[in-house]
PDB file of N, CA and C in Angstrom:
ATOM      1  N   UNK A   1     143.861  90.591 132.852  1.00  0.00           N
ATOM      2  CA  UNK A   1     142.805  91.320 132.165  1.00  0.00           C
ATOM      3  C   UNK A   1     143.110  91.368 130.675  1.00  0.00           C
ATOM      4  N   UNK A   2     142.210  90.849 129.885  1.00  0.00           N
ATOM      5  CA  UNK A   2     142.400  90.802 128.441  1.00  0.00           C
ATOM      6  C   UNK A   2     141.898  92.088 127.794  1.00  0.00           C
ATOM      7  N   UNK A   3     142.495  92.432 126.681  1.00  0.00           N
ATOM      8  CA  UNK A   3     142.055  93.594 125.915  1.00  0.00           C
ATOM      9  C   UNK A   3     140.772  93.219 125.176  1.00  0.00           C
ATOM     10  N   UNK A   4     139.749  94.044 125.304  1.00  0.00           N
ATOM     11  CA  UNK A   4     138.494  93.803 124.596  1.00  0.00           C
ATOM     12  C   UNK A   4     138.539  94.549 123.276  1.00  0.00           C
ATOM     13  N   UNK A   5     138.358  93.829 122.190  1.00  0.00           N
ATOM     14  CA  UNK A   5     138.380  94.413 120.854  1.00  0.00           C
ATOM     15  C   UNK A   5     136.981  94.350 120.253  1.00  0.00           C
ATOM     16  N   UNK A   6     136.606  95.415 119.556  1.00  0.00           N
ATOM     17  CA  UNK A   6     135.272  95.513 118.961  1.00  0.00           C
ATOM     18  C   UNK A   6     135.414  95.676 117.453  1.00  0.00           C
ATOM     19  N   UNK A   7     134.680  94.857 116.709  1.00  0.00           N
ATOM     20  CA  UNK A   7     134.675  94.942 115.250  1.00  0.00           C
ATOM     21  C   UNK A   7     133.795  96.121 114.834  1.00  0.00           C
ATOM     22  N   UNK A   8     134.375  97.072 114.065  1.00  0.00           N
ATOM     23  CA  UNK A   8     133.599  98.224 113.600  1.00  0.00           C
ATOM     24  C   UNK A   8     133.275  98.107 112.110  1.00  0.00           C
ATOM     25  N   UNK A   9     133.458  96.918 111.559  1.00  0.00           N
ATOM     26  CA  UNK A   9     133.090  96.663 110.172  1.00  0.00           C
ATOM     27  C   UNK A   9     134.278  96.373 109.282  1.00  0.00           C
ATOM     28  N   UNK A  10     134.090  95.451 108.355  1.00  0.00           N
ATOM     29  CA  UNK A  10     135.082  95.078 107.347  1.00  0.00           C
ATOM     30  C   UNK A  10     136.398  94.621 107.973  1.00  0.00           C
ATOM     31  N   UNK A  11     136.308  93.956 109.107  1.00  0.00           N
ATOM     32  CA  UNK A  11     137.501  93.434 109.761  1.00  0.00           C
ATOM     33  C   UNK A  11     138.302  94.473 110.527  1.00  0.00           C
ATOM     34  N   UNK A  12     137.803  95.689 110.646  1.00  0.00           N
ATOM     35  CA  UNK A  12     138.487  96.732 111.412  1.00  0.00           C
ATOM     36  C   UNK A  12     138.077  96.622 112.870  1.00  0.00           C
ATOM     37  N   UNK A  13     139.063  96.720 113.747  1.00  0.00           N
ATOM     38  CA  UNK A  13     138.832  96.474 115.160  1.00  0.00           C
ATOM     39  C   UNK A  13     139.418  97.606 115.983  1.00  0.00           C
ATOM     40  N   UNK A  14     138.701  98.021 117.022  1.00  0.00           N
ATOM     41  CA  UNK A  14     139.201  99.039 117.950  1.00  0.00           C
ATOM     42  C   UNK A  14     139.131  98.491 119.375  1.00  0.00           C
ATOM     43  N   UNK A  15     139.921  99.080 120.244  1.00  0.00           N
ATOM     44  CA  UNK A  15     139.928  98.696 121.645  1.00  0.00           C
ATOM     45  C   UNK A  15     138.713  99.298 122.343  1.00  0.00           C
ATOM     46  N   UNK A  16     137.933  98.473 122.997  1.00  0.00           N
ATOM     47  CA  UNK A  16     136.727  98.943 123.689  1.00  0.00           C
ATOM     48  C   UNK A  16     137.082  99.851 124.866  1.00  0.00           C
ATOM     49  N   UNK A  17     138.223  99.631 125.491  1.00  0.00           N
ATOM     50  CA  UNK A  17     138.621 100.439 126.636  1.00  0.00           C
ATOM     51  C   UNK A  17     138.979 101.868 126.238  1.00  0.00           C
ATOM     52  N   UNK A  18     139.382 102.082 124.988  1.00  0.00           N
ATOM     53  CA  UNK A  18     139.792 103.411 124.525  1.00  0.00           C
ATOM     54  C   UNK A  18     138.645 104.185 123.890  1.00  0.00           C
ATOM     55  N   UNK A  19     137.510 103.554 123.741  1.00  0.00           N
ATOM     56  CA  UNK A  19     136.364 104.142 123.067  1.00  0.00           C
ATOM     57  C   UNK A  19     135.606 105.084 124.010  1.00  0.00           C
ATOM     58  N   UNK A  20     135.325 106.293 123.527  1.00  0.00           N
ATOM     59  CA  UNK A  20     134.566 107.256 124.322  1.00  0.00           C
ATOM     60  C   UNK A  20     133.109 107.292 123.880  1.00  0.00           C
ATOM     61  N   UNK A  21     132.885 107.386 122.549  1.00  0.00           N
ATOM     62  CA  UNK A  21     131.517 107.520 122.058  1.00  0.00           C
ATOM     63  C   UNK A  21     131.378 106.945 120.663  1.00  0.00           C
ATOM     64  N   UNK A  22     130.152 106.512 120.366  1.00  0.00           N
ATOM     65  CA  UNK A  22     129.777 106.072 119.022  1.00  0.00           C
ATOM     66  C   UNK A  22     128.576 106.932 118.648  1.00  0.00           C
ATOM     67  N   UNK A  23     128.734 107.775 117.633  1.00  0.00           N
ATOM     68  CA  UNK A  23     127.677 108.720 117.290  1.00  0.00           C
ATOM     69  C   UNK A  23     127.348 108.668 115.806  1.00  0.00           C
ATOM     70  N   UNK A  24     126.205 109.210 115.471  1.00  0.00           N
ATOM     71  CA  UNK A  24     125.769 109.333 114.084  1.00  0.00           C
ATOM     72  C   UNK A  24     126.459 110.541 113.449  1.00  0.00           C
ATOM     73  N   UNK A  25     126.791 110.487 112.164  1.00  0.00           N
ATOM     74  CA  UNK A  25     127.540 111.578 111.524  1.00  0.00           C
ATOM     75  C   UNK A  25     126.685 112.725 110.996  1.00  0.00           C
ATOM     76  N   UNK A  26     125.379 112.720 111.219  1.00  0.00           N
ATOM     77  CA  UNK A  26     124.514 113.701 110.576  1.00  0.00           C
ATOM     78  C   UNK A  26     124.558 115.109 111.167  1.00  0.00           C
ATOM     79  N   UNK A  27     124.807 115.251 112.456  1.00  0.00           N
ATOM     80  CA  UNK A  27     124.705 116.571 113.072  1.00  0.00           C
ATOM     81  C   UNK A  27     125.906 117.466 112.721  1.00  0.00           C
ATOM     82  N   UNK A  28     125.646 118.759 112.729  1.00  0.00           N
ATOM     83  CA  UNK A  28     126.693 119.737 112.408  1.00  0.00           C
ATOM     84  C   UNK A  28     127.875 119.668 113.373  1.00  0.00           C
ATOM     85  N   UNK A  29     127.660 119.515 114.679  1.00  0.00           N
ATOM     86  CA  UNK A  29     128.813 119.421 115.579  1.00  0.00           C
ATOM     87  C   UNK A  29     129.709 118.214 115.287  1.00  0.00           C
ATOM     88  N   UNK A  30     129.120 117.087 114.939  1.00  0.00           N
ATOM     89  CA  UNK A  30     129.916 115.903 114.624  1.00  0.00           C
ATOM     90  C   UNK A  30     130.654 116.109 113.306  1.00  0.00           C
ATOM     91  N   UNK A  31     130.021 116.769 112.350  1.00  0.00           N
ATOM     92  CA  UNK A  31     130.713 117.088 111.090  1.00  0.00           C
ATOM     93  C   UNK A  31     131.920 117.975 111.353  1.00  0.00           C
ATOM     94  N   UNK A  32     131.804 118.903 112.307  1.00  0.00           N
ATOM     95  CA  UNK A  32     132.951 119.746 112.684  1.00  0.00           C
ATOM     96  C   UNK A  32     134.047 118.913 113.336  1.00  0.00           C
ATOM     97  N   UNK A  33     133.657 117.958 114.181  1.00  0.00           N
ATOM     98  CA  UNK A  33     134.627 117.071 114.823  1.00  0.00           C
ATOM     99  C   UNK A  33     135.404 116.295 113.758  1.00  0.00           C
ATOM    100  N   UNK A  34     134.700 115.803 112.748  1.00  0.00           N
ATOM    101  CA  UNK A  34     135.340 115.053 111.657  1.00  0.00           C
ATOM    102  C   UNK A  34     136.306 115.954 110.895  1.00  0.00           C
ATOM    103  N   UNK A  35     135.874 117.161 110.564  1.00  0.00           N
ATOM    104  CA  UNK A  35     136.717 118.100 109.823  1.00  0.00           C
ATOM    105  C   UNK A  35     137.975 118.447 110.612  1.00  0.00           C
ATOM    106  N   UNK A  36     137.822 118.716 111.905  1.00  0.00           N
ATOM    107  CA  UNK A  36     138.975 119.047 112.744  1.00  0.00           C
ATOM    108  C   UNK A  36     139.939 117.872 112.849  1.00  0.00           C
ATOM    109  N   UNK A  37     139.410 116.665 112.981  1.00  0.00           N
ATOM    110  CA  UNK A  37     140.263 115.477 113.061  1.00  0.00           C
ATOM    111  C   UNK A  37     141.022 115.277 111.749  1.00  0.00           C
ATOM    112  N   UNK A  38     140.361 115.520 110.625  1.00  0.00           N
ATOM    113  CA  UNK A  38     141.016 115.400 109.321  1.00  0.00           C
ATOM    114  C   UNK A  38     142.177 116.390 109.218  1.00  0.00           C
ATOM    115  N   UNK A  39     141.941 117.630 109.651  1.00  0.00           N
ATOM    116  CA  UNK A  39     142.972 118.665 109.584  1.00  0.00           C
ATOM    117  C   UNK A  39     144.158 118.347 110.486  1.00  0.00           C
ATOM    118  N   UNK A  40     143.897 117.728 111.627  1.00  0.00           N
ATOM    119  CA  UNK A  40     144.963 117.391 112.578  1.00  0.00           C
ATOM    120  C   UNK A  40     145.644 116.061 112.258  1.00  0.00           C
ATOM    121  N   UNK A  41     145.142 115.351 111.255  1.00  0.00           N
ATOM    122  CA  UNK A  41     145.719 114.055 110.903  1.00  0.00           C
ATOM    123  C   UNK A  41     145.318 112.948 111.861  1.00  0.00           C
ATOM    124  N   UNK A  42     144.183 113.100 112.522  1.00  0.00           N
ATOM    125  CA  UNK A  42     143.714 112.119 113.494  1.00  0.00           C
ATOM    126  C   UNK A  42     142.433 111.408 113.045  1.00  0.00           C
ATOM    127  N   UNK A  43     142.131 111.481 111.753  1.00  0.00           N
ATOM    128  CA  UNK A  43     140.942 110.825 111.220  1.00  0.00           C
ATOM    129  C   UNK A  43     141.336 109.492 110.599  1.00  0.00           C
ATOM    130  N   UNK A  44     140.612 108.444 110.963  1.00  0.00           N
ATOM    131  CA  UNK A  44     140.816 107.125 110.382  1.00  0.00           C
ATOM    132  C   UNK A  44     139.536 106.759 109.650  1.00  0.00           C
ATOM    133  N   UNK A  45     139.627 106.601 108.328  1.00  0.00           N
ATOM    134  CA  UNK A  45     138.455 106.252 107.525  1.00  0.00           C
ATOM    135  C   UNK A  45     138.433 104.741 107.323  1.00  0.00           C
ATOM    136  N   UNK A  46     137.537 104.065 108.029  1.00  0.00           N
ATOM    137  CA  UNK A  46     137.412 102.610 107.943  1.00  0.00           C
ATOM    138  C   UNK A  46     136.147 102.217 107.196  1.00  0.00           C
ATOM    139  N   UNK A  47     135.686 103.074 106.279  1.00  0.00           N
ATOM    140  CA  UNK A  47     134.429 102.812 105.571  1.00  0.00           C
ATOM    141  C   UNK A  47     134.630 102.033 104.275  1.00  0.00           C
ATOM    142  N   UNK A  48     135.851 101.946 103.800  1.00  0.00           N
ATOM    143  CA  UNK A  48     136.138 101.280 102.520  1.00  0.00           C
ATOM    144  C   UNK A  48     135.313 101.873 101.389  1.00  0.00           C
ATOM    145  N   UNK A  49     135.159 103.190 101.401  1.00  0.00           N
ATOM    146  CA  UNK A  49     134.455 103.883 100.336  1.00  0.00           C
ATOM    147  C   UNK A  49     132.951 103.898 100.457  1.00  0.00           C
ATOM    148  N   UNK A  50     132.448 103.300 101.483  1.00  0.00           N
ATOM    149  CA  UNK A  50     130.997 103.291 101.680  1.00  0.00           C
ATOM    150  C   UNK A  50     130.560 104.504 102.492  1.00  0.00           C
ATOM    151  N   UNK A  51     129.265 104.671 102.617  1.00  0.00           N
ATOM    152  CA  UNK A  51     128.705 105.804 103.349  1.00  0.00           C
ATOM    153  C   UNK A  51     129.030 105.676 104.837  1.00  0.00           C
ATOM    154  N   UNK A  52     129.424 106.781 105.454  1.00  0.00           N
ATOM    155  CA  UNK A  52     129.717 106.797 106.883  1.00  0.00           C
ATOM    156  C   UNK A  52     128.406 106.741 107.659  1.00  0.00           C
ATOM    157  N   UNK A  53     128.273 105.748 108.512  1.00  0.00           N
ATOM    158  CA  UNK A  53     127.057 105.581 109.309  1.00  0.00           C
ATOM    159  C   UNK A  53     127.324 105.769 110.800  1.00  0.00           C
ATOM    160  N   UNK A  54     128.590 105.606 111.208  1.00  0.00           N
ATOM    161  CA  UNK A  54     128.926 105.789 112.619  1.00  0.00           C
ATOM    162  C   UNK A  54     130.278 106.485 112.725  1.00  0.00           C
ATOM    163  N   UNK A  55     130.394 107.328 113.735  1.00  0.00           N
ATOM    164  CA  UNK A  55     131.644 108.001 114.035  1.00  0.00           C
ATOM    165  C   UNK A  55     132.061 107.533 115.425  1.00  0.00           C
ATOM    166  N   UNK A  56     133.247 106.942 115.503  1.00  0.00           N
ATOM    167  CA  UNK A  56     133.760 106.416 116.757  1.00  0.00           C
ATOM    168  C   UNK A  56     134.807 107.391 117.273  1.00  0.00           C
ATOM    169  N   UNK A  57     134.595 107.902 118.469  1.00  0.00           N
ATOM    170  CA  UNK A  57     135.517 108.866 119.059  1.00  0.00           C
ATOM    171  C   UNK A  57     136.322 108.147 120.136  1.00  0.00           C
ATOM    172  N   UNK A  58     137.644 108.247 120.023  1.00  0.00           N
ATOM    173  CA  UNK A  58     138.547 107.544 120.925  1.00  0.00           C
ATOM    174  C   UNK A  58     139.149 108.505 121.941  1.00  0.00           C
ATOM    175  N   UNK A  59     139.694 107.973 123.021  1.00  0.00           N
ATOM    176  CA  UNK A  59     140.281 108.812 124.061  1.00  0.00           C
ATOM    177  C   UNK A  59     141.614 109.431 123.644  1.00  0.00           C
ATOM    178  N   UNK A  60     142.166 109.020 122.529  1.00  0.00           N
ATOM    179  CA  UNK A  60     143.430 109.560 122.017  1.00  0.00           C
ATOM    180  C   UNK A  60     143.197 110.729 121.058  1.00  0.00           C
ATOM    181  N   UNK A  61     141.972 111.231 120.993  1.00  0.00           N
ATOM    182  CA  UNK A  61     141.547 112.284 120.060  1.00  0.00           C
ATOM    183  C   UNK A  61     141.460 111.806 118.622  1.00  0.00           C
ATOM    184  N   UNK A  62     141.562 110.509 118.387  1.00  0.00           N
ATOM    185  CA  UNK A  62     141.356 109.969 117.048  1.00  0.00           C
ATOM    186  C   UNK A  62     139.861 109.836 116.806  1.00  0.00           C
ATOM    187  N   UNK A  63     139.470 110.037 115.564  1.00  0.00           N
ATOM    188  CA  UNK A  63     138.082 109.897 115.141  1.00  0.00           C
ATOM    189  C   UNK A  63     138.068 108.851 114.040  1.00  0.00           C
ATOM    190  N   UNK A  64     137.238 107.827 114.193  1.00  0.00           N
ATOM    191  CA  UNK A  64     137.191 106.721 113.246  1.00  0.00           C
ATOM    192  C   UNK A  64     135.824 106.699 112.585  1.00  0.00           C
ATOM    193  N   UNK A  65     135.827 106.657 111.252  1.00  0.00           N
ATOM    194  CA  UNK A  65     134.589 106.579 110.486  1.00  0.00           C
ATOM    195  C   UNK A  65     134.299 105.122 110.174  1.00  0.00           C
ATOM    196  N   UNK A  66     133.056 104.709 110.382  1.00  0.00           N
ATOM    197  CA  UNK A  66     132.659 103.332 110.131  1.00  0.00           C
ATOM    198  C   UNK A  66     131.408 103.300 109.262  1.00  0.00           C
ATOM    199  N   UNK A  67     131.286 102.265 108.449  1.00  0.00           N
ATOM    200  CA  UNK A  67     130.116 102.095 107.597  1.00  0.00           C
ATOM    201  C   UNK A  67     129.036 101.271 108.282  1.00  0.00           C
ATOM    202  N   UNK A  68     129.251 100.941 109.546  1.00  0.00           N
ATOM    203  CA  UNK A  68     128.294 100.150 110.324  1.00  0.00           C
ATOM    204  C   UNK A  68     127.466 101.092 111.196  1.00  0.00           C
ATOM    205  N   UNK A  69     126.193 100.792 111.369  1.00  0.00           N
ATOM    206  CA  UNK A  69     125.304 101.614 112.188  1.00  0.00           C
ATOM    207  C   UNK A  69     125.819 101.706 113.633  1.00  0.00           C
ATOM    208  N   UNK A  70     125.652 102.863 114.292  1.00  0.00           N
ATOM    209  CA  UNK A  70     126.081 102.987 115.694  1.00  0.00           C
ATOM    210  C   UNK A  70     125.445 101.934 116.603  1.00  0.00           C
ATOM    211  N   UNK A  71     124.176 101.615 116.362  1.00  0.00           N
ATOM    212  CA  UNK A  71     123.489 100.618 117.181  1.00  0.00           C
ATOM    213  C   UNK A  71     124.146  99.244 117.049  1.00  0.00           C
ATOM    214  N   UNK A  72     124.612  98.921 115.853  1.00  0.00           N
ATOM    215  CA  UNK A  72     125.264  97.635 115.621  1.00  0.00           C
ATOM    216  C   UNK A  72     126.572  97.548 116.392  1.00  0.00           C
ATOM    217  N   UNK A  73     127.370  98.627 116.341  1.00  0.00           N
ATOM    218  CA  UNK A  73     128.636  98.643 117.075  1.00  0.00           C
ATOM    219  C   UNK A  73     128.372  98.533 118.569  1.00  0.00           C
ATOM    220  N   UNK A  74     127.394  99.292 119.074  1.00  0.00           N
ATOM    221  CA  UNK A  74     127.058  99.241 120.496  1.00  0.00           C
ATOM    222  C   UNK A  74     126.575  97.842 120.891  1.00  0.00           C
ATOM    223  N   UNK A  75     125.788  97.221 120.033  1.00  0.00           N
ATOM    224  CA  UNK A  75     125.304  95.864 120.309  1.00  0.00           C
ATOM    225  C   UNK A  75     126.459  94.887 120.408  1.00  0.00           C
ATOM    226  N   UNK A  76     127.480  95.053 119.576  1.00  0.00           N
ATOM    227  CA  UNK A  76     128.651  94.164 119.611  1.00  0.00           C
ATOM    228  C   UNK A  76     129.404  94.320 120.925  1.00  0.00           C
ATOM    229  N   UNK A  77     129.441  95.537 121.455  1.00  0.00           N
ATOM    230  CA  UNK A  77     130.106  95.756 122.744  1.00  0.00           C
ATOM    231  C   UNK A  77     129.332  95.047 123.845  1.00  0.00           C
ATOM    232  N   UNK A  78     128.019  95.222 123.857  1.00  0.00           N
ATOM    233  CA  UNK A  78     127.174  94.605 124.882  1.00  0.00           C
ATOM    234  C   UNK A  78     127.225  93.087 124.766  1.00  0.00           C
ATOM    235  N   UNK A  79     127.154  92.567 123.543  1.00  0.00           N
ATOM    236  CA  UNK A  79     127.179  91.118 123.332  1.00  0.00           C
ATOM    237  C   UNK A  79     128.501  90.537 123.805  1.00  0.00           C
ATOM    238  N   UNK A  80     129.599  91.244 123.551  1.00  0.00           N
ATOM    239  CA  UNK A  80     130.909  90.760 123.978  1.00  0.00           C
ATOM    240  C   UNK A  80     130.999  90.751 125.503  1.00  0.00           C
ATOM    241  N   UNK A  81     130.457  91.797 126.142  1.00  0.00           N
ATOM    242  CA  UNK A  81     130.447  91.854 127.603  1.00  0.00           C
ATOM    243  C   UNK A  81     129.662  90.686 128.183  1.00  0.00           C
ATOM    244  N   UNK A  82     128.506  90.397 127.598  1.00  0.00           N
ATOM    245  CA  UNK A  82     127.665  89.310 128.094  1.00  0.00           C
ATOM    246  C   UNK A  82     128.333  87.958 127.908  1.00  0.00           C
ATOM    247  N   UNK A  83     129.039  87.755 126.797  1.00  0.00           N
ATOM    248  CA  UNK A  83     129.697  86.470 126.555  1.00  0.00           C
ATOM    249  C   UNK A  83     130.885  86.268 127.487  1.00  0.00           C
ATOM    250  N   UNK A  84     131.523  87.350 127.934  1.00  0.00           N
ATOM    251  CA  UNK A  84     132.647  87.230 128.852  1.00  0.00           C
ATOM    252  C   UNK A  84     132.179  86.896 130.254  1.00  0.00           C
ATOM    253  N   UNK A  85     130.946  87.253 130.618  1.00  0.00           N
ATOM    254  CA  UNK A  85     130.415  86.960 131.943  1.00  0.00           C
ATOM    255  C   UNK A  85     130.044  85.502 132.092  1.00  0.00           C
ATOM    256  N   UNK A  86     129.750  84.816 130.991  1.00  0.00           N
ATOM    257  CA  UNK A  86     129.331  83.402 131.039  1.00  0.00           C
ATOM    258  C   UNK A  86     130.461  82.485 131.448  1.00  0.00           C
TER     259      UNK A  86
END
């Protein structure tokens, strides 16, 4: 069984098996999740200074900020799954 890796933008890659959710950063609860992760030292900013468009929540309690739309990241997961079935 190979590890499935997903590109979350700018060459940053996360393990698809460890991913719990991909959400938009606009809601107050997600902003609290980001703040708490920052305080605990579990925030990874992969935006390269750009606007945060997706928040990736991992099973290790790490929170990753991405400049790529959540739909784009989700599409990459689905596309990778489909290409592995061929």
